[in-house]
Structures are given as structure tokens and as C-alpha cells.
Amino acid sequence: MSTTCRTRPARSTWSTRCRTRSASAARTRPSPSAAIAADPLAELQVRLGHRFADPALLLRAITHASYAAEHAPAVAQDALAFLGDAALGLVVAGHLLAVTPEATVGQLTSARAALVADESLARWAARLELGAVVRLGRGAERTGGRATASILATTLEAVLGALYLDAGLPAVHGLVARLAGWSTAAC
């Protein structure tokens, strides 16, 4: 066995981090897929089909208000969810009008409401495994927040808002179309 120690700066002080590993482990490097598996944000970006130019947007998108309240200076997802809700509404409305041009405004409104309801968004969020990566405060964690439809729906909306800011409406449209199972010809 060999011991590897290295000194690195940690905030305002110096700390030493040591680890022991076998000689064979010292010769091998982790594969790129192992590195992705060790980073939940990287995994999420793979599931989203988009690599963020600004990963801080994605981190904010998965930060629930309960976590931000306990971990200053973390910023909650709420403003991104507001933006994502608007982008989602636009994408869904455009799709519905494209596939049912003869529908009345009332029919379009009902169809849009069904598609953007918390239960629908929570199912899409579950497909992206957002419950596994959302950052929750202790109380929300204790009460099963990772499986709560409203938390999953809000997190998905925040991710859509972050995606909009990072890559624009076409990226949001592509993800929503994939999650909803829309044919690209109908979009």
C-alpha cells in the first residue's frame, strides 16, 4: 500500500488531505464515465442532453428554498422556476396550436393545463431523476420532499428556466418534446 498526501488551500487555511490506496489502484486512472458517475451535475447534464456553459445555473435550479434557507449564500430555484414555467407554457402552447390548429381557445387552455400540471411535470422530473439531485433542507428531506410532486414539478420548471438562460428556447423545446414524447415533425 502507498499513502499519497497532498497539501492544498482550503478557503482561508491550508489543509492536508491523505489517502491510502493499493499499488494497483495507484497505477490506474478512473474512466471518464466513472468521473461522470461521481458528479451528480454531470450525470444530470447527460440526462438533460445539454452541457451547461454556466453550471451555476443548473446548481441553482436544483436548490430548493428549504436548502437555501439553511445554507447561505445558496440561492433558491424560485426565480428560475418562474422563468421555466413561462418557457414551458410557450413551448406547450406552440405545440398544441401546431398539432390542433382547429381547436378552440378553451380546448387549448384545457390541454395546456393538463400538460403543465404538477403531476405531469413530476412524472417528467422522475424520468430525469431530479428527485435524486434536488438539494433540500433538513425538514423537506425528512418529510419525503424528493418524491413530492410539487417539489419535483418546481425543480423541473427551474431546470427549464436554467436551460432557457443557458441555451435559449430551442433547447427548452427539445427537452420538453423529448419528455412529452412529441414527434419532432409535429413541433
N, C-alpha and C. Protein backbone atom coordinates (compact mmCIF):
# COMPACT_ATOMS: atom_id res chain seq x y z
N MET A 1 0.83 -1.18 0.00
CA MET A 1 0.00 0.00 0.00
C MET A 1 0.88 1.25 0.00
N SER A 2 0.40 2.24 -0.68
CA SER A 2 1.11 3.51 -0.67
C SER A 2 0.18 4.58 -0.12
N THR A 3 0.77 5.58 0.48
CA THR A 3 -0.01 6.68 1.01
C THR A 3 0.33 7.92 0.21
N THR A 4 -0.67 8.60 -0.25
CA THR A 4 -0.47 9.82 -1.01
C THR A 4 -1.03 10.96 -0.20
N CYS A 5 -0.22 11.95 0.05
CA CYS A 5 -0.67 13.13 0.77
C CYS A 5 -0.40 14.34 -0.10
N ARG A 6 -1.31 15.24 -0.08
CA ARG A 6 -1.07 16.48 -0.79
C ARG A 6 -1.66 17.61 0.02
N THR A 7 -1.03 18.73 -0.11
CA THR A 7 -1.49 19.91 0.60
C THR A 7 -2.14 20.82 -0.41
N ARG A 8 -3.28 21.33 -0.04
CA ARG A 8 -3.98 22.24 -0.94
C ARG A 8 -4.67 23.32 -0.12
N PRO A 9 -4.90 24.47 -0.73
CA PRO A 9 -5.57 25.54 0.01
C PRO A 9 -7.04 25.19 0.22
N ALA A 10 -7.53 25.52 1.39
CA ALA A 10 -8.94 25.33 1.70
C ALA A 10 -9.46 26.62 2.31
N ARG A 11 -10.27 27.33 1.59
CA ARG A 11 -10.81 28.64 1.98
C ARG A 11 -9.69 29.54 2.47
N SER A 12 -9.57 29.77 3.80
CA SER A 12 -8.55 30.69 4.27
C SER A 12 -7.39 29.99 4.97
N THR A 13 -7.42 28.68 5.10
CA THR A 13 -6.34 27.95 5.75
C THR A 13 -5.82 26.86 4.84
N TRP A 14 -4.72 26.28 5.22
CA TRP A 14 -4.16 25.16 4.47
C TRP A 14 -4.57 23.88 5.16
N SER A 15 -4.90 22.87 4.37
CA SER A 15 -5.23 21.58 4.95
C SER A 15 -4.49 20.49 4.18
N THR A 16 -4.28 19.40 4.84
CA THR A 16 -3.62 18.27 4.20
C THR A 16 -4.63 17.16 4.06
N ARG A 17 -4.69 16.60 2.88
CA ARG A 17 -5.61 15.51 2.62
C ARG A 17 -4.78 14.28 2.27
N CYS A 18 -4.95 13.22 3.01
CA CYS A 18 -4.19 12.00 2.78
C CYS A 18 -5.14 10.87 2.47
N ARG A 19 -4.67 9.95 1.65
CA ARG A 19 -5.45 8.76 1.41
C ARG A 19 -4.51 7.60 1.15
N THR A 20 -4.97 6.43 1.48
CA THR A 20 -4.19 5.22 1.28
C THR A 20 -4.84 4.42 0.18
N ARG A 21 -4.03 3.87 -0.71
CA ARG A 21 -4.57 3.06 -1.78
C ARG A 21 -3.58 1.97 -2.14
N SER A 22 -4.08 0.96 -2.77
CA SER A 22 -3.22 -0.16 -3.16
C SER A 22 -2.31 0.26 -4.30
N ALA A 23 -1.25 -0.50 -4.50
CA ALA A 23 -0.31 -0.19 -5.57
C ALA A 23 -0.97 -0.27 -6.94
N SER A 24 -1.88 -1.24 -7.12
CA SER A 24 -2.56 -1.35 -8.42
C SER A 24 -3.50 -0.18 -8.66
N ALA A 25 -4.14 0.30 -7.61
CA ALA A 25 -5.03 1.45 -7.76
C ALA A 25 -4.24 2.70 -8.08
N ALA A 26 -3.00 2.76 -7.60
CA ALA A 26 -2.17 3.93 -7.87
C ALA A 26 -1.81 4.02 -9.35
N ARG A 27 -1.79 2.88 -10.05
CA ARG A 27 -1.41 2.87 -11.46
C ARG A 27 -2.59 3.13 -12.39
N THR A 28 -3.82 2.97 -11.92
CA THR A 28 -4.99 3.13 -12.80
C THR A 28 -5.64 4.48 -12.57
N ARG A 29 -6.23 4.98 -13.62
CA ARG A 29 -6.98 6.23 -13.53
C ARG A 29 -8.46 5.91 -13.72
N PRO A 30 -9.33 6.70 -13.09
CA PRO A 30 -10.76 6.45 -13.29
C PRO A 30 -11.14 6.75 -14.73
N SER A 31 -12.08 5.98 -15.24
CA SER A 31 -12.56 6.20 -16.60
C SER A 31 -13.39 7.47 -16.64
N PRO A 32 -13.55 8.09 -17.81
CA PRO A 32 -14.39 9.27 -17.90
C PRO A 32 -15.82 9.01 -17.42
N SER A 33 -16.35 7.81 -17.69
CA SER A 33 -17.71 7.52 -17.23
C SER A 33 -17.75 7.42 -15.71
N ALA A 34 -16.66 6.95 -15.08
CA ALA A 34 -16.62 6.90 -13.61
C ALA A 34 -16.58 8.31 -13.05
N ALA A 35 -15.87 9.21 -13.73
CA ALA A 35 -15.83 10.60 -13.28
C ALA A 35 -17.20 11.24 -13.37
N ILE A 36 -17.95 10.95 -14.43
CA ILE A 36 -19.31 11.47 -14.56
C ILE A 36 -20.19 10.91 -13.46
N ALA A 37 -20.04 9.61 -13.18
CA ALA A 37 -20.87 8.98 -12.16
C ALA A 37 -20.62 9.58 -10.78
N ALA A 38 -19.42 10.13 -10.57
CA ALA A 38 -19.10 10.73 -9.28
C ALA A 38 -19.65 12.15 -9.17
N ASP A 39 -20.13 12.73 -10.24
CA ASP A 39 -20.60 14.10 -10.25
C ASP A 39 -22.07 14.15 -10.64
N PRO A 40 -22.97 14.34 -9.66
CA PRO A 40 -24.40 14.34 -9.97
C PRO A 40 -24.80 15.40 -11.01
N LEU A 41 -24.14 16.57 -11.00
CA LEU A 41 -24.48 17.59 -12.00
C LEU A 41 -24.08 17.13 -13.40
N ALA A 42 -22.96 16.46 -13.51
CA ALA A 42 -22.55 15.94 -14.83
C ALA A 42 -23.53 14.88 -15.30
N GLU A 43 -23.95 14.00 -14.39
CA GLU A 43 -24.93 12.97 -14.74
C GLU A 43 -26.24 13.62 -15.20
N LEU A 44 -26.68 14.64 -14.47
CA LEU A 44 -27.92 15.32 -14.83
C LEU A 44 -27.81 15.96 -16.21
N GLN A 45 -26.67 16.56 -16.50
CA GLN A 45 -26.49 17.17 -17.81
C GLN A 45 -26.57 16.13 -18.92
N VAL A 46 -26.07 14.93 -18.67
CA VAL A 46 -26.19 13.85 -19.65
C VAL A 46 -27.66 13.50 -19.85
N ARG A 47 -28.40 13.37 -18.75
CA ARG A 47 -29.84 13.04 -18.86
C ARG A 47 -30.61 14.16 -19.56
N LEU A 48 -30.19 15.40 -19.34
CA LEU A 48 -30.86 16.53 -20.00
C LEU A 48 -30.48 16.63 -21.48
N GLY A 49 -29.35 16.05 -21.84
CA GLY A 49 -28.88 16.17 -23.21
C GLY A 49 -28.30 17.53 -23.50
N HIS A 50 -27.81 18.20 -22.46
CA HIS A 50 -27.24 19.54 -22.62
C HIS A 50 -26.13 19.75 -21.60
N ARG A 51 -24.99 20.21 -22.07
CA ARG A 51 -23.90 20.57 -21.16
C ARG A 51 -23.96 22.08 -20.95
N PHE A 52 -24.13 22.49 -19.71
CA PHE A 52 -24.30 23.89 -19.39
C PHE A 52 -22.99 24.67 -19.52
N ALA A 53 -23.05 25.79 -20.23
CA ALA A 53 -21.92 26.70 -20.29
C ALA A 53 -21.72 27.34 -18.92
N ASP A 54 -22.82 27.53 -18.19
CA ASP A 54 -22.78 28.09 -16.84
C ASP A 54 -23.40 27.08 -15.87
N PRO A 55 -22.60 26.14 -15.35
CA PRO A 55 -23.14 25.11 -14.45
C PRO A 55 -23.76 25.68 -13.17
N ALA A 56 -23.41 26.92 -12.81
CA ALA A 56 -24.01 27.54 -11.62
C ALA A 56 -25.52 27.69 -11.80
N LEU A 57 -25.97 27.87 -13.03
CA LEU A 57 -27.41 27.95 -13.30
C LEU A 57 -28.09 26.64 -12.94
N LEU A 58 -27.48 25.53 -13.32
CA LEU A 58 -28.06 24.22 -13.02
C LEU A 58 -28.05 23.96 -11.52
N LEU A 59 -26.97 24.33 -10.85
CA LEU A 59 -26.90 24.16 -9.40
C LEU A 59 -28.00 24.95 -8.71
N ARG A 60 -28.22 26.18 -9.16
CA ARG A 60 -29.30 26.99 -8.60
C ARG A 60 -30.65 26.35 -8.89
N ALA A 61 -30.81 25.78 -10.07
CA ALA A 61 -32.09 25.17 -10.46
C ALA A 61 -32.47 24.00 -9.57
N ILE A 62 -31.49 23.31 -9.02
CA ILE A 62 -31.80 22.15 -8.17
C ILE A 62 -31.74 22.50 -6.68
N THR A 63 -31.69 23.79 -6.36
CA THR A 63 -31.60 24.23 -4.97
C THR A 63 -32.97 24.70 -4.48
N HIS A 64 -33.61 23.88 -3.67
CA HIS A 64 -34.92 24.19 -3.10
C HIS A 64 -34.78 25.30 -2.06
N ALA A 65 -35.84 26.06 -1.86
CA ALA A 65 -35.82 27.16 -0.89
C ALA A 65 -35.45 26.68 0.51
N SER A 66 -35.85 25.48 0.88
CA SER A 66 -35.53 24.96 2.21
C SER A 66 -34.02 24.77 2.38
N TYR A 67 -33.34 24.40 1.32
CA TYR A 67 -31.88 24.24 1.37
C TYR A 67 -31.22 25.62 1.45
N ALA A 68 -31.67 26.54 0.61
CA ALA A 68 -31.09 27.89 0.58
C ALA A 68 -31.24 28.58 1.93
N ALA A 69 -32.35 28.34 2.62
CA ALA A 69 -32.57 28.96 3.93
C ALA A 69 -31.57 28.46 4.96
N GLU A 70 -31.10 27.24 4.80
CA GLU A 70 -30.16 26.64 5.75
C GLU A 70 -28.70 26.78 5.33
N HIS A 71 -28.44 27.12 4.09
CA HIS A 71 -27.07 27.12 3.57
C HIS A 71 -26.77 28.41 2.82
N ALA A 72 -26.72 29.52 3.54
CA ALA A 72 -26.34 30.78 2.89
C ALA A 72 -24.91 30.64 2.37
N PRO A 73 -24.57 31.14 1.24
CA PRO A 73 -25.27 32.06 0.35
C PRO A 73 -25.99 31.37 -0.81
N ALA A 74 -26.36 30.10 -0.65
CA ALA A 74 -27.07 29.39 -1.72
C ALA A 74 -28.33 30.17 -2.12
N VAL A 75 -28.62 30.16 -3.40
CA VAL A 75 -29.79 30.87 -3.93
C VAL A 75 -30.83 29.84 -4.36
N ALA A 76 -32.07 30.07 -3.96
CA ALA A 76 -33.15 29.13 -4.26
C ALA A 76 -33.55 29.19 -5.73
N GLN A 77 -34.23 28.15 -6.15
CA GLN A 77 -34.63 27.93 -7.53
C GLN A 77 -35.84 28.75 -7.98
N ASP A 78 -36.49 29.45 -7.08
CA ASP A 78 -37.81 30.03 -7.36
C ASP A 78 -37.85 30.93 -8.59
N ALA A 79 -36.89 31.84 -8.75
CA ALA A 79 -36.92 32.73 -9.91
C ALA A 79 -36.71 31.95 -11.21
N LEU A 80 -35.84 30.94 -11.17
CA LEU A 80 -35.66 30.11 -12.37
C LEU A 80 -36.92 29.32 -12.68
N ALA A 81 -37.63 28.87 -11.64
CA ALA A 81 -38.89 28.14 -11.86
C ALA A 81 -39.93 29.06 -12.49
N PHE A 82 -39.95 30.32 -12.08
CA PHE A 82 -40.86 31.31 -12.67
C PHE A 82 -40.58 31.44 -14.17
N LEU A 83 -39.31 31.57 -14.52
CA LEU A 83 -38.93 31.69 -15.93
C LEU A 83 -39.21 30.39 -16.68
N GLY A 84 -38.88 29.26 -16.06
CA GLY A 84 -39.11 27.96 -16.70
C GLY A 84 -40.57 27.69 -16.95
N ASP A 85 -41.42 28.11 -16.02
CA ASP A 85 -42.87 27.95 -16.20
C ASP A 85 -43.34 28.72 -17.43
N ALA A 86 -42.82 29.94 -17.60
CA ALA A 86 -43.20 30.74 -18.77
C ALA A 86 -42.70 30.10 -20.06
N ALA A 87 -41.45 29.63 -20.07
CA ALA A 87 -40.90 28.98 -21.26
C ALA A 87 -41.67 27.71 -21.58
N LEU A 88 -41.98 26.93 -20.55
CA LEU A 88 -42.76 25.70 -20.74
C LEU A 88 -44.13 26.01 -21.32
N GLY A 89 -44.80 27.02 -20.78
CA GLY A 89 -46.12 27.40 -21.28
C GLY A 89 -46.08 27.79 -22.75
N LEU A 90 -45.05 28.53 -23.13
CA LEU A 90 -44.91 28.94 -24.53
C LEU A 90 -44.67 27.74 -25.44
N VAL A 91 -43.78 26.84 -25.03
CA VAL A 91 -43.49 25.65 -25.83
C VAL A 91 -44.73 24.78 -25.98
N VAL A 92 -45.44 24.55 -24.88
CA VAL A 92 -46.63 23.70 -24.91
C VAL A 92 -47.73 24.36 -25.76
N ALA A 93 -47.94 25.66 -25.58
CA ALA A 93 -48.97 26.36 -26.36
C ALA A 93 -48.65 26.29 -27.85
N GLY A 94 -47.40 26.51 -28.21
CA GLY A 94 -47.00 26.44 -29.62
C GLY A 94 -47.21 25.05 -30.20
N HIS A 95 -46.87 24.03 -29.42
CA HIS A 95 -47.06 22.66 -29.89
C HIS A 95 -48.54 22.34 -30.09
N LEU A 96 -49.35 22.70 -29.10
CA LEU A 96 -50.79 22.41 -29.19
C LEU A 96 -51.42 23.10 -30.39
N LEU A 97 -51.04 24.34 -30.62
CA LEU A 97 -51.59 25.07 -31.77
C LEU A 97 -51.12 24.44 -33.08
N ALA A 98 -49.89 23.95 -33.12
CA ALA A 98 -49.36 23.32 -34.34
C ALA A 98 -50.06 22.00 -34.65
N VAL A 99 -50.38 21.21 -33.62
CA VAL A 99 -50.97 19.89 -33.88
C VAL A 99 -52.50 19.92 -33.91
N THR A 100 -53.11 20.96 -33.35
CA THR A 100 -54.58 21.07 -33.36
C THR A 100 -54.98 22.50 -33.71
N PRO A 101 -54.71 22.94 -34.95
CA PRO A 101 -54.99 24.33 -35.32
C PRO A 101 -56.47 24.68 -35.28
N GLU A 102 -57.33 23.68 -35.35
CA GLU A 102 -58.78 23.95 -35.35
C GLU A 102 -59.35 24.02 -33.93
N ALA A 103 -58.55 23.75 -32.91
CA ALA A 103 -59.05 23.74 -31.52
C ALA A 103 -59.44 25.15 -31.08
N THR A 104 -60.43 25.19 -30.21
CA THR A 104 -60.84 26.48 -29.63
C THR A 104 -59.85 26.88 -28.54
N VAL A 105 -59.90 28.14 -28.15
CA VAL A 105 -59.04 28.62 -27.08
C VAL A 105 -59.31 27.84 -25.80
N GLY A 106 -60.56 27.54 -25.53
CA GLY A 106 -60.91 26.76 -24.34
C GLY A 106 -60.29 25.37 -24.37
N GLN A 107 -60.34 24.72 -25.53
CA GLN A 107 -59.73 23.39 -25.67
C GLN A 107 -58.21 23.46 -25.51
N LEU A 108 -57.61 24.47 -26.11
CA LEU A 108 -56.16 24.64 -25.99
C LEU A 108 -55.76 24.90 -24.54
N THR A 109 -56.54 25.72 -23.86
CA THR A 109 -56.25 26.03 -22.46
C THR A 109 -56.35 24.79 -21.59
N SER A 110 -57.37 23.98 -21.80
CA SER A 110 -57.53 22.74 -21.03
C SER A 110 -56.39 21.77 -21.29
N ALA A 111 -56.02 21.63 -22.55
CA ALA A 111 -54.93 20.71 -22.90
C ALA A 111 -53.61 21.20 -22.31
N ARG A 112 -53.37 22.50 -22.38
CA ARG A 112 -52.13 23.04 -21.81
C ARG A 112 -52.11 22.84 -20.30
N ALA A 113 -53.23 23.09 -19.63
CA ALA A 113 -53.30 22.91 -18.18
C ALA A 113 -52.97 21.47 -17.78
N ALA A 114 -53.46 20.52 -18.56
CA ALA A 114 -53.18 19.10 -18.25
C ALA A 114 -51.70 18.79 -18.43
N LEU A 115 -51.09 19.35 -19.46
CA LEU A 115 -49.67 19.06 -19.73
C LEU A 115 -48.73 19.71 -18.72
N VAL A 116 -49.11 20.86 -18.18
CA VAL A 116 -48.20 21.56 -17.25
C VAL A 116 -48.61 21.40 -15.79
N ALA A 117 -49.57 20.51 -15.51
CA ALA A 117 -49.98 20.24 -14.12
C ALA A 117 -48.82 19.61 -13.36
N ASP A 118 -48.79 19.84 -12.04
CA ASP A 118 -47.72 19.30 -11.20
C ASP A 118 -47.52 17.80 -11.40
N GLU A 119 -48.61 17.05 -11.53
CA GLU A 119 -48.49 15.60 -11.67
C GLU A 119 -47.75 15.22 -12.95
N SER A 120 -48.07 15.91 -14.05
CA SER A 120 -47.39 15.65 -15.32
C SER A 120 -45.91 16.02 -15.23
N LEU A 121 -45.65 17.19 -14.67
CA LEU A 121 -44.27 17.65 -14.56
C LEU A 121 -43.47 16.76 -13.61
N ALA A 122 -44.12 16.27 -12.55
CA ALA A 122 -43.44 15.37 -11.61
C ALA A 122 -43.05 14.06 -12.30
N ARG A 123 -43.89 13.57 -13.20
CA ARG A 123 -43.54 12.36 -13.95
C ARG A 123 -42.32 12.62 -14.85
N TRP A 124 -42.31 13.77 -15.50
CA TRP A 124 -41.16 14.12 -16.34
C TRP A 124 -39.91 14.27 -15.48
N ALA A 125 -40.06 14.91 -14.32
CA ALA A 125 -38.93 15.09 -13.40
C ALA A 125 -38.39 13.74 -12.93
N ALA A 126 -39.29 12.80 -12.69
CA ALA A 126 -38.87 11.46 -12.26
C ALA A 126 -38.07 10.77 -13.37
N ARG A 127 -38.47 10.97 -14.62
CA ARG A 127 -37.72 10.38 -15.74
C ARG A 127 -36.31 10.95 -15.80
N LEU A 128 -36.14 12.19 -15.39
CA LEU A 128 -34.82 12.82 -15.36
C LEU A 128 -34.09 12.56 -14.04
N GLU A 129 -34.77 11.87 -13.12
CA GLU A 129 -34.22 11.57 -11.79
C GLU A 129 -33.86 12.83 -11.02
N LEU A 130 -34.70 13.85 -11.11
CA LEU A 130 -34.43 15.09 -10.40
C LEU A 130 -34.55 14.93 -8.89
N GLY A 131 -35.39 14.00 -8.44
CA GLY A 131 -35.52 13.77 -7.01
C GLY A 131 -34.21 13.35 -6.36
N ALA A 132 -33.35 12.72 -7.12
CA ALA A 132 -32.06 12.26 -6.59
C ALA A 132 -31.06 13.39 -6.44
N VAL A 133 -31.25 14.49 -7.17
CA VAL A 133 -30.25 15.56 -7.15
C VAL A 133 -30.73 16.86 -6.54
N VAL A 134 -32.04 17.01 -6.32
CA VAL A 134 -32.52 18.27 -5.75
C VAL A 134 -31.91 18.46 -4.36
N ARG A 135 -31.48 19.67 -4.08
CA ARG A 135 -30.88 19.99 -2.79
C ARG A 135 -31.98 20.50 -1.87
N LEU A 136 -32.24 19.73 -0.82
CA LEU A 136 -33.33 20.03 0.11
C LEU A 136 -32.79 20.35 1.49
N GLY A 137 -33.55 21.14 2.23
CA GLY A 137 -33.24 21.38 3.63
C GLY A 137 -33.62 20.16 4.46
N ARG A 138 -33.21 20.18 5.72
CA ARG A 138 -33.45 19.01 6.59
C ARG A 138 -34.93 18.68 6.72
N GLY A 139 -35.77 19.68 6.90
CA GLY A 139 -37.21 19.43 7.07
C GLY A 139 -37.84 18.81 5.83
N ALA A 140 -37.54 19.37 4.68
CA ALA A 140 -38.09 18.83 3.42
C ALA A 140 -37.55 17.43 3.16
N GLU A 141 -36.32 17.20 3.54
CA GLU A 141 -35.72 15.87 3.38
C GLU A 141 -36.44 14.86 4.27
N ARG A 142 -36.68 15.26 5.52
CA ARG A 142 -37.34 14.37 6.49
C ARG A 142 -38.76 14.01 6.08
N THR A 143 -39.44 14.93 5.44
CA THR A 143 -40.85 14.70 5.08
C THR A 143 -41.03 14.11 3.69
N GLY A 144 -39.95 13.60 3.10
CA GLY A 144 -40.06 12.92 1.81
C GLY A 144 -40.14 13.85 0.62
N GLY A 145 -39.53 15.02 0.72
CA GLY A 145 -39.60 16.02 -0.34
C GLY A 145 -39.10 15.55 -1.70
N ARG A 146 -38.19 14.59 -1.72
CA ARG A 146 -37.64 14.12 -3.00
C ARG A 146 -38.70 13.45 -3.88
N ALA A 147 -39.79 13.03 -3.26
CA ALA A 147 -40.86 12.36 -4.01
C ALA A 147 -42.13 13.20 -4.08
N THR A 148 -42.09 14.42 -3.59
CA THR A 148 -43.26 15.29 -3.58
C THR A 148 -43.48 15.90 -4.96
N ALA A 149 -44.69 15.75 -5.49
CA ALA A 149 -44.99 16.24 -6.85
C ALA A 149 -44.69 17.72 -7.00
N SER A 150 -45.05 18.53 -6.02
CA SER A 150 -44.84 19.98 -6.16
C SER A 150 -43.35 20.33 -6.19
N ILE A 151 -42.54 19.65 -5.38
CA ILE A 151 -41.10 19.92 -5.38
C ILE A 151 -40.48 19.45 -6.70
N LEU A 152 -40.88 18.28 -7.17
CA LEU A 152 -40.35 17.78 -8.44
C LEU A 152 -40.77 18.69 -9.60
N ALA A 153 -42.03 19.12 -9.60
CA ALA A 153 -42.52 19.99 -10.68
C ALA A 153 -41.78 21.33 -10.67
N THR A 154 -41.62 21.91 -9.49
CA THR A 154 -40.91 23.19 -9.39
C THR A 154 -39.45 23.04 -9.81
N THR A 155 -38.84 21.94 -9.43
CA THR A 155 -37.44 21.70 -9.82
C THR A 155 -37.33 21.56 -11.33
N LEU A 156 -38.26 20.85 -11.95
CA LEU A 156 -38.23 20.73 -13.41
C LEU A 156 -38.40 22.11 -14.05
N GLU A 157 -39.34 22.90 -13.56
CA GLU A 157 -39.52 24.24 -14.11
C GLU A 157 -38.25 25.07 -13.96
N ALA A 158 -37.58 24.94 -12.81
CA ALA A 158 -36.33 25.67 -12.59
C ALA A 158 -35.24 25.20 -13.55
N VAL A 159 -35.17 23.91 -13.79
CA VAL A 159 -34.20 23.37 -14.75
C VAL A 159 -34.50 23.92 -16.14
N LEU A 160 -35.78 23.99 -16.50
CA LEU A 160 -36.15 24.55 -17.80
C LEU A 160 -35.77 26.03 -17.87
N GLY A 161 -35.95 26.76 -16.78
CA GLY A 161 -35.53 28.16 -16.74
C GLY A 161 -34.03 28.31 -16.90
N ALA A 162 -33.27 27.45 -16.23
CA ALA A 162 -31.82 27.48 -16.36
C ALA A 162 -31.40 27.13 -17.79
N LEU A 163 -32.07 26.15 -18.36
CA LEU A 163 -31.78 25.75 -19.74
C LEU A 163 -32.08 26.89 -20.71
N TYR A 164 -33.18 27.60 -20.47
CA TYR A 164 -33.52 28.75 -21.30
C TYR A 164 -32.42 29.81 -21.25
N LEU A 165 -31.95 30.13 -20.04
CA LEU A 165 -30.91 31.15 -19.90
C LEU A 165 -29.59 30.69 -20.51
N ASP A 166 -29.30 29.41 -20.43
CA ASP A 166 -28.02 28.88 -20.91
C ASP A 166 -28.01 28.66 -22.42
N ALA A 167 -29.15 28.24 -22.99
CA ALA A 167 -29.13 27.83 -24.40
C ALA A 167 -30.30 28.34 -25.23
N GLY A 168 -31.28 28.98 -24.62
CA GLY A 168 -32.38 29.54 -25.38
C GLY A 168 -33.59 28.63 -25.50
N LEU A 169 -34.63 29.16 -26.12
CA LEU A 169 -35.90 28.45 -26.24
C LEU A 169 -35.81 27.16 -27.06
N PRO A 170 -34.99 27.08 -28.12
CA PRO A 170 -34.91 25.80 -28.84
C PRO A 170 -34.45 24.64 -27.96
N ALA A 171 -33.56 24.90 -27.01
CA ALA A 171 -33.11 23.83 -26.10
C ALA A 171 -34.24 23.40 -25.18
N VAL A 172 -35.01 24.36 -24.69
CA VAL A 172 -36.17 24.04 -23.85
C VAL A 172 -37.17 23.23 -24.66
N HIS A 173 -37.43 23.67 -25.87
CA HIS A 173 -38.37 22.97 -26.75
C HIS A 173 -37.93 21.53 -26.98
N GLY A 174 -36.65 21.33 -27.25
CA GLY A 174 -36.14 19.98 -27.49
C GLY A 174 -36.32 19.07 -26.29
N LEU A 175 -36.02 19.57 -25.09
CA LEU A 175 -36.16 18.75 -23.89
C LEU A 175 -37.63 18.44 -23.61
N VAL A 176 -38.49 19.45 -23.71
CA VAL A 176 -39.92 19.23 -23.45
C VAL A 176 -40.49 18.25 -24.47
N ALA A 177 -40.13 18.39 -25.73
CA ALA A 177 -40.62 17.47 -26.76
C ALA A 177 -40.19 16.04 -26.45
N ARG A 178 -38.95 15.87 -26.00
CA ARG A 178 -38.46 14.53 -25.66
C ARG A 178 -39.21 13.97 -24.46
N LEU A 179 -39.40 14.78 -23.42
CA LEU A 179 -40.10 14.31 -22.22
C LEU A 179 -41.56 14.00 -22.50
N ALA A 180 -42.19 14.82 -23.35
CA ALA A 180 -43.61 14.63 -23.66
C ALA A 180 -43.84 13.55 -24.72
N GLY A 181 -42.77 13.14 -25.40
CA GLY A 181 -42.92 12.12 -26.43
C GLY A 181 -43.51 12.66 -27.72
N TRP A 182 -43.31 13.95 -27.98
CA TRP A 182 -43.82 14.54 -29.21
C TRP A 182 -42.91 14.16 -30.36
N SER A 183 -43.52 13.95 -31.52
CA SER A 183 -42.71 13.73 -32.71
C SER A 183 -42.16 15.09 -33.13
N THR A 184 -40.93 15.12 -33.58
CA THR A 184 -40.33 16.39 -33.97
C THR A 184 -41.00 16.97 -35.20
N ALA A 185 -41.64 16.14 -36.00
CA ALA A 185 -42.34 16.64 -37.18
C ALA A 185 -43.54 17.48 -36.78
N ALA A 186 -44.11 17.20 -35.60
CA ALA A 186 -45.30 17.92 -35.17
C ALA A 186 -44.97 19.16 -34.37
N CYS A 187 -43.70 19.43 -34.17
CA CYS A 187 -43.30 20.57 -33.33
C CYS A 187 -43.00 21.80 -34.14
